Amino acid sequence: ALERGDLDSASMLSAAALRAAPADPAALSLVA
């Protein structure tokens, strides 16, 4: 989603990824 410029979807999905694995640094960097 981020690559195609759909920032709203990217924001929602990256936040969900971080909720699924709060200790995953890759999920946090995607949120960032």
Full PDB file with SEQRES, HELIX, SHEET, SSBOND, CRYST1, ORIGX, SCALE, CONECT and MASTER records, all heavy atoms in Angstrom:
SEQRES   1 A   32  ALA LEU GLU ARG GLY ASP LEU ASP SER ALA SER MET LEU          
SEQRES   2 A   32  SER ALA ALA ALA LEU ARG ALA ALA PRO ALA ASP PRO ALA          
SEQRES   3 A   32  ALA LEU SER LEU VAL ALA                                      
HELIX    1 AA1 LEU A    7  ALA A   20  1                                  14    
HELIX    2 AA2 PRO A   25  VAL A   31  1                                   7    
CRYST1    1.000    1.000    1.000  90.00  90.00  90.00 P 1           1          
ORIGX1      1.000000  0.000000  0.000000        0.00000                         
ORIGX2      0.000000  1.000000  0.000000        0.00000                         
ORIGX3      0.000000  0.000000  1.000000        0.00000                         
SCALE1      1.000000  0.000000  0.000000        0.00000                         
SCALE2      0.000000  1.000000  0.000000        0.00000                         
SCALE3      0.000000  0.000000  1.000000        0.00000                         
ATOM      1  N   ALA A   1       0.829  -1.204   0.000  1.00  0.00           N  
ATOM      2  CA  ALA A   1       0.000   0.000   0.000  1.00  0.00           C  
ATOM      3  C   ALA A   1       0.864   1.255   0.000  1.00  0.00           C  
ATOM      4  O   ALA A   1       0.577   2.230  -0.712  1.00  0.00           O  
ATOM      5  CB  ALA A   1      -0.921  -0.008   1.219  1.00  0.00           C  
ATOM      6  N   LEU A   2       1.939   1.227   0.770  1.00  0.00           N  
ATOM      7  CA  LEU A   2       2.843   2.373   0.825  1.00  0.00           C  
ATOM      8  C   LEU A   2       3.516   2.592  -0.521  1.00  0.00           C  
ATOM      9  O   LEU A   2       3.646   3.733  -0.993  1.00  0.00           O  
ATOM     10  CB  LEU A   2       3.891   2.142   1.920  1.00  0.00           C  
ATOM     11  CG  LEU A   2       4.846   3.293   2.237  1.00  0.00           C  
ATOM     12  CD1 LEU A   2       4.069   4.537   2.633  1.00  0.00           C  
ATOM     13  CD2 LEU A   2       5.802   2.883   3.347  1.00  0.00           C  
ATOM     14  N   GLU A   3       3.895   1.509  -1.176  1.00  0.00           N  
ATOM     15  CA  GLU A   3       4.567   1.606  -2.468  1.00  0.00           C  
ATOM     16  C   GLU A   3       3.648   2.217  -3.531  1.00  0.00           C  
ATOM     17  O   GLU A   3       4.099   2.984  -4.379  1.00  0.00           O  
ATOM     18  CB  GLU A   3       5.043   0.227  -2.920  1.00  0.00           C  
ATOM     19  CG  GLU A   3       5.876   0.249  -4.183  1.00  0.00           C  
ATOM     20  CD  GLU A   3       6.405  -1.128  -4.549  1.00  0.00           C  
ATOM     21  OE1 GLU A   3       6.117  -2.085  -3.823  1.00  0.00           O  
ATOM     22  OE2 GLU A   3       7.102  -1.232  -5.573  1.00  0.00           O  
ATOM     23  N   ARG A   4       2.367   1.903  -3.479  1.00  0.00           N  
ATOM     24  CA  ARG A   4       1.452   2.458  -4.487  1.00  0.00           C  
ATOM     25  C   ARG A   4       0.866   3.804  -4.056  1.00  0.00           C  
ATOM     26  O   ARG A   4       0.038   4.396  -4.759  1.00  0.00           O  
ATOM     27  CB  ARG A   4       0.324   1.469  -4.794  1.00  0.00           C  
ATOM     28  CG  ARG A   4      -0.641   1.167  -3.676  1.00  0.00           C  
ATOM     29  CD  ARG A   4      -1.785   0.238  -4.134  1.00  0.00           C  
ATOM     30  NE  ARG A   4      -2.711  -0.039  -3.058  1.00  0.00           N  
ATOM     31  CZ  ARG A   4      -2.638  -1.092  -2.262  1.00  0.00           C  
ATOM     32  NH1 ARG A   4      -1.667  -1.983  -2.441  1.00  0.00           N  
ATOM     33  NH2 ARG A   4      -3.519  -1.270  -1.303  1.00  0.00           N  
ATOM     34  N   GLY A   5       1.288   4.304  -2.892  1.00  0.00           N  
ATOM     35  CA  GLY A   5       0.869   5.625  -2.443  1.00  0.00           C  
ATOM     36  C   GLY A   5      -0.455   5.670  -1.719  1.00  0.00           C  
ATOM     37  O   GLY A   5      -1.003   6.754  -1.486  1.00  0.00           O  
ATOM     38  N   ASP A   6      -0.962   4.524  -1.322  1.00  0.00           N  
ATOM     39  CA  ASP A   6      -2.219   4.461  -0.565  1.00  0.00           C  
ATOM     40  C   ASP A   6      -1.859   4.587   0.920  1.00  0.00           C  
ATOM     41  O   ASP A   6      -1.795   3.585   1.656  1.00  0.00           O  
ATOM     42  CB  ASP A   6      -2.936   3.138  -0.861  1.00  0.00           C  
ATOM     43  CG  ASP A   6      -4.302   3.042  -0.183  1.00  0.00           C  
ATOM     44  OD1 ASP A   6      -4.641   3.958   0.599  1.00  0.00           O  
ATOM     45  OD2 ASP A   6      -5.011   2.046  -0.427  1.00  0.00           O  
ATOM     46  N   LEU A   7      -1.651   5.813   1.353  1.00  0.00           N  
ATOM     47  CA  LEU A   7      -1.109   6.035   2.691  1.00  0.00           C  
ATOM     48  C   LEU A   7      -2.102   5.713   3.801  1.00  0.00           C  
ATOM     49  O   LEU A   7      -1.705   5.301   4.892  1.00  0.00           O  
ATOM     50  CB  LEU A   7      -0.611   7.477   2.816  1.00  0.00           C  
ATOM     51  CG  LEU A   7       0.491   7.889   1.829  1.00  0.00           C  
ATOM     52  CD1 LEU A   7       0.969   9.306   2.125  1.00  0.00           C  
ATOM     53  CD2 LEU A   7       1.665   6.911   1.882  1.00  0.00           C  
ATOM     54  N   ASP A   8      -3.396   5.901   3.532  1.00  0.00           N  
ATOM     55  CA  ASP A   8      -4.391   5.566   4.561  1.00  0.00           C  
ATOM     56  C   ASP A   8      -4.393   4.064   4.841  1.00  0.00           C  
ATOM     57  O   ASP A   8      -4.402   3.625   5.998  1.00  0.00           O  
ATOM     58  CB  ASP A   8      -5.783   6.019   4.119  1.00  0.00           C  
ATOM     59  CG  ASP A   8      -5.929   7.532   4.160  1.00  0.00           C  
ATOM     60  OD1 ASP A   8      -5.154   8.173   4.889  1.00  0.00           O  
ATOM     61  OD2 ASP A   8      -6.801   8.060   3.453  1.00  0.00           O  
ATOM     62  N   SER A   9      -4.371   3.262   3.766  1.00  0.00           N  
ATOM     63  CA  SER A   9      -4.327   1.804   3.951  1.00  0.00           C  
ATOM     64  C   SER A   9      -3.015   1.384   4.599  1.00  0.00           C  
ATOM     65  O   SER A   9      -2.995   0.517   5.476  1.00  0.00           O  
ATOM     66  CB  SER A   9      -4.499   1.091   2.608  1.00  0.00           C  
ATOM     67  OG  SER A   9      -5.801   1.288   2.095  1.00  0.00           O  
ATOM     68  N   ALA A  10      -1.921   1.997   4.164  1.00  0.00           N  
ATOM     69  CA  ALA A  10      -0.614   1.669   4.746  1.00  0.00           C  
ATOM     70  C   ALA A  10      -0.589   1.972   6.230  1.00  0.00           C  
ATOM     71  O   ALA A  10      -0.054   1.199   7.030  1.00  0.00           O  
ATOM     72  CB  ALA A  10       0.484   2.444   4.027  1.00  0.00           C  
ATOM     73  N   SER A  11      -1.179   3.086   6.613  1.00  0.00           N  
ATOM     74  CA  SER A  11      -1.225   3.464   8.027  1.00  0.00           C  
ATOM     75  C   SER A  11      -2.041   2.471   8.836  1.00  0.00           C  
ATOM     76  O   SER A  11      -1.626   2.019   9.913  1.00  0.00           O  
ATOM     77  CB  SER A  11      -1.817   4.871   8.155  1.00  0.00           C  
ATOM     78  OG  SER A  11      -1.815   5.290   9.498  1.00  0.00           O  
ATOM     79  N   MET A  12      -3.209   2.092   8.313  1.00  0.00           N  
ATOM     80  CA  MET A  12      -4.085   1.153   9.013  1.00  0.00           C  
ATOM     81  C   MET A  12      -3.427  -0.219   9.136  1.00  0.00           C  
ATOM     82  O   MET A  12      -3.424  -0.835  10.213  1.00  0.00           O  
ATOM     83  CB  MET A  12      -5.411   1.028   8.266  1.00  0.00           C  
ATOM     84  CG  MET A  12      -6.392   0.037   8.893  1.00  0.00           C  
ATOM     85  SD  MET A  12      -7.871  -0.170   7.894  1.00  0.00           S  
ATOM     86  CE  MET A  12      -7.184  -1.008   6.439  1.00  0.00           C  
ATOM     87  N   LEU A  13      -2.844  -0.704   8.037  1.00  0.00           N  
ATOM     88  CA  LEU A  13      -2.247  -2.046   8.030  1.00  0.00           C  
ATOM     89  C   LEU A  13      -0.981  -2.113   8.871  1.00  0.00           C  
ATOM     90  O   LEU A  13      -0.737  -3.101   9.561  1.00  0.00           O  
ATOM     91  CB  LEU A  13      -1.963  -2.468   6.593  1.00  0.00           C  
ATOM     92  CG  LEU A  13      -3.195  -2.785   5.739  1.00  0.00           C  
ATOM     93  CD1 LEU A  13      -2.843  -2.795   4.262  1.00  0.00           C  
ATOM     94  CD2 LEU A  13      -3.802  -4.128   6.154  1.00  0.00           C  
ATOM     95  N   SER A  14      -0.146  -1.071   8.805  1.00  0.00           N  
ATOM     96  CA  SER A  14       1.087  -1.087   9.604  1.00  0.00           C  
ATOM     97  C   SER A  14       0.763  -1.018  11.090  1.00  0.00           C  
ATOM     98  O   SER A  14       1.420  -1.668  11.912  1.00  0.00           O  
ATOM     99  CB  SER A  14       2.011   0.056   9.188  1.00  0.00           C  
ATOM    100  OG  SER A  14       1.394   1.319   9.375  1.00  0.00           O  
ATOM    101  N   ALA A  15      -0.284  -0.254  11.452  1.00  0.00           N  
ATOM    102  CA  ALA A  15      -0.700  -0.197  12.860  1.00  0.00           C  
ATOM    103  C   ALA A  15      -1.212  -1.561  13.315  1.00  0.00           C  
ATOM    104  O   ALA A  15      -0.929  -1.999  14.441  1.00  0.00           O  
ATOM    105  CB  ALA A  15      -1.778   0.870  13.037  1.00  0.00           C  
ATOM    106  N   ALA A  16      -1.937  -2.245  12.428  1.00  0.00           N  
ATOM    107  CA  ALA A  16      -2.433  -3.588  12.765  1.00  0.00           C  
ATOM    108  C   ALA A  16      -1.274  -4.567  12.921  1.00  0.00           C  
ATOM    109  O   ALA A  16      -1.290  -5.437  13.799  1.00  0.00           O  
ATOM    110  CB  ALA A  16      -3.394  -4.073  11.684  1.00  0.00           C  
ATOM    111  N   ALA A  17      -0.259  -4.434  12.073  1.00  0.00           N  
ATOM    112  CA  ALA A  17       0.923  -5.293  12.169  1.00  0.00           C  
ATOM    113  C   ALA A  17       1.621  -5.099  13.511  1.00  0.00           C  
ATOM    114  O   ALA A  17       2.057  -6.064  14.153  1.00  0.00           O  
ATOM    115  CB  ALA A  17       1.889  -5.000  11.020  1.00  0.00           C  
ATOM    116  N   LEU A  18       1.708  -3.860  13.943  1.00  0.00           N  
ATOM    117  CA  LEU A  18       2.359  -3.576  15.222  1.00  0.00           C  
ATOM    118  C   LEU A  18       1.535  -4.096  16.396  1.00  0.00           C  
ATOM    119  O   LEU A  18       2.094  -4.604  17.372  1.00  0.00           O  
ATOM    120  CB  LEU A  18       2.598  -2.069  15.364  1.00  0.00           C  
ATOM    121  CG  LEU A  18       3.417  -1.635  16.573  1.00  0.00           C  
ATOM    122  CD1 LEU A  18       4.810  -2.266  16.552  1.00  0.00           C  
ATOM    123  CD2 LEU A  18       3.532  -0.105  16.614  1.00  0.00           C  
ATOM    124  N   ARG A  19       0.216  -4.013  16.279  1.00  0.00           N  
ATOM    125  CA  ARG A  19      -0.625  -4.573  17.346  1.00  0.00           C  
ATOM    126  C   ARG A  19      -0.470  -6.095  17.426  1.00  0.00           C  
ATOM    127  O   ARG A  19      -0.496  -6.678  18.509  1.00  0.00           O  
ATOM    128  CB  ARG A  19      -2.100  -4.217  17.106  1.00  0.00           C  
ATOM    129  CG  ARG A  19      -2.457  -2.772  17.392  1.00  0.00           C  
ATOM    130  CD  ARG A  19      -3.970  -2.573  17.484  1.00  0.00           C  
ATOM    131  NE  ARG A  19      -4.653  -2.934  16.241  1.00  0.00           N  
ATOM    132  CZ  ARG A  19      -4.865  -2.098  15.229  1.00  0.00           C  
ATOM    133  NH1 ARG A  19      -4.422  -0.844  15.313  1.00  0.00           N  
ATOM    134  NH2 ARG A  19      -5.508  -2.493  14.149  1.00  0.00           N  
ATOM    135  N   ALA A  20      -0.290  -6.732  16.257  1.00  0.00           N  
ATOM    136  CA  ALA A  20      -0.138  -8.187  16.244  1.00  0.00           C  
ATOM    137  C   ALA A  20       1.193  -8.626  16.858  1.00  0.00           C  
ATOM    138  O   ALA A  20       1.288  -9.709  17.441  1.00  0.00           O  
ATOM    139  CB  ALA A  20      -0.246  -8.717  14.807  1.00  0.00           C  
ATOM    140  N   ALA A  21       2.206  -7.790  16.711  1.00  0.00           N  
ATOM    141  CA  ALA A  21       3.537  -8.136  17.234  1.00  0.00           C  
ATOM    142  C   ALA A  21       4.207  -6.861  17.738  1.00  0.00           C  
ATOM    143  O   ALA A  21       5.030  -6.271  17.037  1.00  0.00           O  
ATOM    144  CB  ALA A  21       4.372  -8.808  16.159  1.00  0.00           C  
ATOM    145  N   PRO A  22       3.879  -6.408  18.939  1.00  0.00           N  
ATOM    146  CA  PRO A  22       4.401  -5.137  19.455  1.00  0.00           C  
ATOM    147  C   PRO A  22       5.924  -5.089  19.569  1.00  0.00           C  
ATOM    148  O   PRO A  22       6.505  -4.000  19.589  1.00  0.00           O  
ATOM    149  CB  PRO A  22       3.747  -5.029  20.844  1.00  0.00           C  
ATOM    150  CG  PRO A  22       2.547  -5.907  20.764  1.00  0.00           C  
ATOM    151  CD  PRO A  22       2.916  -7.035  19.859  1.00  0.00           C  
ATOM    152  N   ALA A  23       6.564  -6.259  19.654  1.00  0.00           N  
ATOM    153  CA  ALA A  23       8.027  -6.293  19.792  1.00  0.00           C  
ATOM    154  C   ALA A  23       8.729  -6.478  18.456  1.00  0.00           C  
ATOM    155  O   ALA A  23       9.936  -6.712  18.425  1.00  0.00           O  
ATOM    156  CB  ALA A  23       8.435  -7.412  20.748  1.00  0.00           C  
ATOM    157  N   ASP A  24       7.992  -6.376  17.350  1.00  0.00           N  
ATOM    158  CA  ASP A  24       8.580  -6.570  16.021  1.00  0.00           C  
ATOM    159  C   ASP A  24       9.117  -5.235  15.507  1.00  0.00           C  
ATOM    160  O   ASP A  24       8.332  -4.347  15.159  1.00  0.00           O  
ATOM    161  CB  ASP A  24       7.513  -7.117  15.066  1.00  0.00           C  
ATOM    162  CG  ASP A  24       8.062  -7.393  13.674  1.00  0.00           C  
ATOM    163  OD1 ASP A  24       9.266  -7.190  13.455  1.00  0.00           O  
ATOM    164  OD2 ASP A  24       7.274  -7.807  12.808  1.00  0.00           O  
ATOM    165  N   PRO A  25      10.445  -5.053  15.435  1.00  0.00           N  
ATOM    166  CA  PRO A  25      10.987  -3.765  14.986  1.00  0.00           C  
ATOM    167  C   PRO A  25      10.635  -3.436  13.544  1.00  0.00           C  
ATOM    168  O   PRO A  25      10.521  -2.260  13.186  1.00  0.00           O  
ATOM    169  CB  PRO A  25      12.502  -3.930  15.174  1.00  0.00           C  
ATOM    170  CG  PRO A  25      12.736  -5.395  15.198  1.00  0.00           C  
ATOM    171  CD  PRO A  25      11.507  -6.005  15.800  1.00  0.00           C  
ATOM    172  N   ALA A  26      10.430  -4.455  12.703  1.00  0.00           N  
ATOM    173  CA  ALA A  26      10.069  -4.194  11.312  1.00  0.00           C  
ATOM    174  C   ALA A  26       8.671  -3.594  11.214  1.00  0.00           C  
ATOM    175  O   ALA A  26       8.405  -2.726  10.376  1.00  0.00           O  
ATOM    176  CB  ALA A  26      10.150  -5.482  10.497  1.00  0.00           C  
ATOM    177  N   ALA A  27       7.753  -4.058  12.061  1.00  0.00           N  
ATOM    178  CA  ALA A  27       6.409  -3.483  12.076  1.00  0.00           C  
ATOM    179  C   ALA A  27       6.454  -2.031  12.537  1.00  0.00           C  
ATOM    180  O   ALA A  27       5.789  -1.155  11.965  1.00  0.00           O  
ATOM    181  CB  ALA A  27       5.498  -4.305  12.985  1.00  0.00           C  
ATOM    182  N   LEU A  28       7.270  -1.764  13.549  1.00  0.00           N  
ATOM    183  CA  LEU A  28       7.375  -0.402  14.058  1.00  0.00           C  
ATOM    184  C   LEU A  28       8.006   0.522  13.015  1.00  0.00           C  
ATOM    185  O   LEU A  28       7.575   1.660  12.835  1.00  0.00           O  
ATOM    186  CB  LEU A  28       8.195  -0.387  15.350  1.00  0.00           C  
ATOM    187  CG  LEU A  28       8.343   0.964  16.055  1.00  0.00           C  
ATOM    188  CD1 LEU A  28       6.970   1.569  16.346  1.00  0.00           C  
ATOM    189  CD2 LEU A  28       9.133   0.802  17.346  1.00  0.00           C  
ATOM    190  N   SER A  29       9.012   0.036  12.301  1.00  0.00           N  
ATOM    191  CA  SER A  29       9.644   0.882  11.286  1.00  0.00           C  
ATOM    192  C   SER A  29       8.704   1.155  10.129  1.00  0.00           C  
ATOM    193  O   SER A  29       8.779   2.206   9.487  1.00  0.00           O  
ATOM    194  CB  SER A  29      10.946   0.239  10.779  1.00  0.00           C  
ATOM    195  OG  SER A  29      10.689  -0.881   9.954  1.00  0.00           O  
ATOM    196  N   LEU A  30       7.776   0.227   9.861  1.00  0.00           N  
ATOM    197  CA  LEU A  30       6.794   0.462   8.808  1.00  0.00           C  
ATOM    198  C   LEU A  30       5.786   1.526   9.244  1.00  0.00           C  
ATOM    199  O   LEU A  30       5.379   2.374   8.441  1.00  0.00           O  
ATOM    200  CB  LEU A  30       6.079  -0.846   8.459  1.00  0.00           C  
ATOM    201  CG  LEU A  30       5.216  -0.857   7.194  1.00  0.00           C  
ATOM    202  CD1 LEU A  30       5.980  -0.316   5.991  1.00  0.00           C  
ATOM    203  CD2 LEU A  30       4.739  -2.271   6.917  1.00  0.00           C  
ATOM    204  N   VAL A  31       5.396   1.505  10.507  1.00  0.00           N  
ATOM    205  CA  VAL A  31       4.552   2.573  11.053  1.00  0.00           C  
ATOM    206  C   VAL A  31       5.269   3.909  10.907  1.00  0.00           C  
ATOM    207  O   VAL A  31       4.682   4.917  10.469  1.00  0.00           O  
ATOM    208  CB  VAL A  31       4.218   2.299  12.535  1.00  0.00           C  
ATOM    209  CG1 VAL A  31       3.593   3.535  13.192  1.00  0.00           C  
ATOM    210  CG2 VAL A  31       3.273   1.112  12.665  1.00  0.00           C  
ATOM    211  N   ALA A  32       6.553   3.927  11.264  1.00  0.00           N  
ATOM    212  CA  ALA A  32       7.338   5.155  11.192  1.00  0.00           C  
ATOM    213  C   ALA A  32       7.500   5.636   9.753  1.00  0.00           C  
ATOM    214  O   ALA A  32       7.387   6.832   9.468  1.00  0.00           O  
ATOM    215  CB  ALA A  32       8.713   4.918  11.827  1.00  0.00           C  
TER     216      ALA A  32                                                      
MASTER        0    0    0    2    0    0    0    6  215    1    0    3          
END                                                                             
